[in-house]
Amino acid sequence: MLAAVATALGLLLGILIGRFNANVEVTVPAAPPPRLEAAPPPPPIAAAPQVVMPSPAVTEAMTPPAEAEVPAGPPGIVFFDAPGMAVSKRAVVAAIPMRHLSRVKRAVNVNWRLVAGTALPGRDYGGPESGVESFVEGNSFRILYVPILANPGGLRDRQFTVELTGTSSSTELGPTSSVVVTILGDS
């Protein structure tokens, strides 16, 4: 790599001073073509001395491998931002933030499910009971939306849980793989 850089610099320097490193001279006109005006021609351009840069010896450590392998990278992790959150009973949805952290950019699918608690599906919250959320390559933030249903009889706080149940390959569940969603009552 160092030899290639030195050769390129030598060529560039040779071009700038009017010669190539391989002793091939670049013809530089002694004077520009005559102008239409009666001005005297400028003095001829003198050729600069040739500079030859020594090339270092190429070693095995400097030669690149025939095919560079792409490392698999450490496994990524997927998790919720917090172990719990609260929403108003007048809210339309519970917007639950999820994160995917990994050194290697890759697409990840995350399986999730809703678990009833004191809040019940169809009465306090809606939507499918489970699903898959996808992080496209390079995306590290997603929001899982769970519809909140109007329940005029809900006077006390009610809760349900959202759990991450699995991920695609090379990704693990992080420290907060579930979040307890509290729907606030009137109290």
Protein backbone atom coordinates (compact mmCIF):
# COMPACT_ATOMS: atom_id res chain seq x y z
CA MET A 1 0.00 0.00 0.00
CA LEU A 2 2.85 2.37 0.88
CA ALA A 3 4.61 1.55 -2.39
CA ALA A 4 1.46 2.38 -4.36
CA VAL A 5 1.11 5.70 -2.55
CA ALA A 6 4.78 6.53 -3.18
CA THR A 7 4.44 5.65 -6.88
CA ALA A 8 1.30 7.78 -7.22
CA LEU A 9 2.99 10.70 -5.48
CA GLY A 10 6.02 10.31 -7.73
CA LEU A 11 3.81 10.35 -10.83
CA LEU A 12 1.90 13.37 -9.60
CA LEU A 13 5.10 15.23 -8.77
CA GLY A 14 6.53 14.25 -12.15
CA ILE A 15 3.46 15.62 -13.91
CA LEU A 16 3.64 18.83 -11.93
CA ILE A 17 7.28 19.46 -12.81
CA GLY A 18 6.88 18.39 -16.42
CA ARG A 19 8.28 14.85 -16.45
CA PHE A 20 7.08 11.33 -15.71
CA ASN A 21 8.94 9.07 -13.31
CA ALA A 22 9.68 6.63 -16.16
CA ASN A 23 11.96 9.19 -17.89
CA VAL A 24 9.31 10.06 -20.46
CA GLU A 25 9.47 13.78 -20.95
CA VAL A 26 6.39 15.88 -21.30
CA THR A 27 6.84 18.43 -24.03
CA VAL A 28 6.40 21.92 -22.69
CA PRO A 29 6.28 24.63 -25.35
CA ALA A 30 9.15 27.09 -25.11
CA ALA A 31 6.85 30.01 -25.74
CA PRO A 32 3.12 30.39 -26.18
CA PRO A 33 1.82 30.95 -29.70
CA PRO A 34 2.13 34.52 -30.90
CA ARG A 35 -0.63 36.83 -29.76
CA LEU A 36 -2.63 39.10 -31.96
CA GLU A 37 -1.18 42.10 -30.17
CA ALA A 38 2.33 43.30 -30.73
CA ALA A 39 3.47 42.35 -27.22
CA PRO A 40 6.83 40.59 -26.84
CA PRO A 41 6.60 36.86 -26.04
CA PRO A 42 7.22 35.80 -22.42
CA PRO A 43 10.51 34.15 -21.56
CA PRO A 44 10.71 30.37 -22.02
CA ILE A 45 9.76 28.10 -19.09
CA ALA A 46 12.75 26.30 -17.66
CA ALA A 47 12.32 22.60 -16.91
CA ALA A 48 12.62 21.70 -13.25
CA PRO A 49 15.04 18.96 -12.20
CA GLN A 50 13.63 15.45 -12.10
CA VAL A 51 12.80 14.15 -8.64
CA VAL A 52 12.80 10.39 -8.20
CA MET A 53 11.22 9.09 -5.01
CA PRO A 54 12.63 5.83 -3.69
CA SER A 55 10.07 3.06 -3.40
CA PRO A 56 10.10 1.04 -0.18
CA ALA A 57 10.37 -2.71 -0.28
CA VAL A 58 7.02 -4.47 -0.43
CA THR A 59 6.50 -6.98 2.36
CA GLU A 60 3.79 -9.55 2.93
CA ALA A 61 2.33 -7.38 5.67
CA MET A 62 1.81 -4.58 3.14
CA THR A 63 0.11 -6.68 0.49
CA PRO A 64 -3.68 -6.81 0.82
CA PRO A 65 -5.38 -10.19 1.09
CA ALA A 66 -6.87 -11.60 -2.10
CA GLU A 67 -10.41 -11.33 -0.75
CA ALA A 68 -11.26 -9.23 2.26
CA GLU A 69 -13.74 -10.99 4.50
CA VAL A 70 -16.60 -9.00 6.00
CA PRO A 71 -16.70 -9.73 9.71
CA ALA A 72 -19.98 -11.05 11.02
CA GLY A 73 -19.77 -8.54 13.84
CA PRO A 74 -21.07 -8.84 17.35
CA PRO A 75 -24.74 -9.61 17.82
CA GLY A 76 -27.01 -6.63 18.06
CA ILE A 77 -29.56 -6.07 20.79
CA VAL A 78 -33.20 -4.96 20.63
CA PHE A 79 -34.96 -3.44 23.63
CA PHE A 80 -37.62 -0.98 24.80
CA ASP A 81 -36.48 2.44 25.99
CA ALA A 82 -38.03 2.00 29.45
CA PRO A 83 -39.62 -0.82 31.48
CA GLY A 84 -42.84 1.15 31.89
CA MET A 85 -44.87 4.03 30.51
CA ALA A 86 -48.22 5.72 31.12
CA VAL A 87 -50.83 7.03 28.67
CA SER A 88 -54.03 8.95 29.19
CA LYS A 89 -57.30 7.08 28.81
CA ARG A 90 -58.13 9.77 26.21
CA ALA A 91 -55.07 8.83 24.13
CA VAL A 92 -55.62 7.30 20.72
CA VAL A 93 -52.51 5.11 20.79
CA ALA A 94 -49.69 4.11 23.09
CA ALA A 95 -46.47 4.92 21.19
CA ILE A 96 -43.84 2.53 22.56
CA PRO A 97 -40.21 3.29 21.50
CA MET A 98 -37.91 0.37 20.60
CA ARG A 99 -34.18 0.44 19.85
CA HIS A 100 -31.82 -1.77 17.85
CA LEU A 101 -28.12 -1.37 18.62
CA SER A 102 -25.42 -3.11 16.61
CA ARG A 103 -21.98 -2.29 15.21
CA VAL A 104 -22.93 -3.88 11.91
CA LYS A 105 -25.78 -2.40 9.89
CA ARG A 106 -28.28 -5.15 9.19
CA ALA A 107 -32.02 -5.59 8.90
CA VAL A 108 -33.70 -7.09 11.97
CA ASN A 109 -37.18 -8.48 12.55
CA VAL A 110 -38.55 -8.46 16.10
CA ASN A 111 -41.51 -10.57 17.27
CA TRP A 112 -43.74 -9.07 19.95
CA ARG A 113 -46.99 -9.86 21.77
CA LEU A 114 -49.49 -8.12 24.03
CA VAL A 115 -50.24 -9.64 27.44
CA ALA A 116 -53.46 -8.63 29.21
CA GLY A 117 -53.33 -7.44 32.79
CA THR A 118 -55.94 -5.28 34.46
CA ALA A 119 -56.42 -3.72 31.00
CA LEU A 120 -58.23 -6.07 28.64
CA PRO A 121 -58.01 -6.42 24.87
CA GLY A 122 -61.09 -5.15 23.04
CA ARG A 123 -62.15 -3.09 26.07
CA ASP A 124 -59.08 -0.98 26.98
CA TYR A 125 -56.70 -1.52 24.05
CA GLY A 126 -56.97 -2.94 20.55
CA GLY A 127 -54.87 -4.15 17.68
CA PRO A 128 -53.44 -7.57 16.98
CA GLU A 129 -52.32 -9.65 19.95
CA SER A 130 -48.90 -10.18 18.35
CA GLY A 131 -46.85 -9.11 15.36
CA VAL A 132 -43.45 -8.44 13.82
CA GLU A 133 -41.71 -5.07 13.81
CA SER A 134 -38.92 -4.60 11.24
CA PHE A 135 -35.81 -2.49 11.52
CA VAL A 136 -34.45 -1.80 8.03
CA GLU A 137 -30.68 -1.83 7.55
CA GLY A 138 -29.10 1.07 9.39
CA ASN A 139 -32.29 1.98 11.29
CA SER A 140 -31.93 1.90 15.07
CA PHE A 141 -35.26 3.35 16.24
CA ARG A 142 -38.87 2.19 15.78
CA ILE A 143 -42.15 2.95 17.50
CA LEU A 144 -44.68 0.22 18.18
CA TYR A 145 -48.23 1.62 18.19
CA VAL A 146 -50.94 -0.03 20.30
CA PRO A 147 -54.46 1.49 19.92
CA ILE A 148 -56.06 2.71 23.15
CA LEU A 149 -59.85 2.28 23.20
CA ALA A 150 -62.25 4.72 24.85
CA ASN A 151 -63.55 3.09 28.02
CA PRO A 152 -65.84 5.48 29.92
CA GLY A 153 -66.14 2.98 32.76
CA GLY A 154 -62.38 2.91 33.37
CA LEU A 155 -62.12 4.92 36.58
CA ARG A 156 -58.91 3.34 37.86
CA ASP A 157 -55.52 2.79 36.26
CA ARG A 158 -55.30 -0.34 34.11
CA GLN A 159 -52.20 -2.11 32.78
CA PHE A 160 -51.10 -4.42 29.99
CA THR A 161 -47.66 -5.61 28.95
CA VAL A 162 -45.87 -5.63 25.61
CA GLU A 163 -43.20 -8.34 25.38
CA LEU A 164 -40.49 -8.95 22.81
CA THR A 165 -40.58 -12.70 22.11
CA GLY A 166 -37.79 -13.19 19.59
CA THR A 167 -35.56 -11.66 16.93
CA SER A 168 -33.97 -12.60 13.65
CA SER A 169 -30.47 -14.09 13.60
CA SER A 170 -27.45 -12.28 15.06
CA THR A 171 -29.61 -10.19 17.38
CA GLU A 172 -30.50 -10.70 21.02
CA LEU A 173 -33.12 -9.25 23.34
CA GLY A 174 -31.76 -6.42 25.49
CA PRO A 175 -32.21 -5.55 29.15
CA THR A 176 -35.78 -4.22 28.79
CA SER A 177 -37.50 -6.83 26.65
CA SER A 178 -40.93 -5.96 28.07
CA VAL A 179 -42.74 -2.75 28.91
CA VAL A 180 -45.75 -2.30 31.22
CA VAL A 181 -48.21 0.22 29.74
CA THR A 182 -50.46 1.94 32.26
CA ILE A 183 -53.69 3.51 31.01
CA LEU A 184 -54.44 6.27 33.53
CA GLY A 185 -57.93 6.41 34.99
CA ASP A 186 -59.82 9.36 36.48
CA SER A 187 -58.30 9.10 39.93
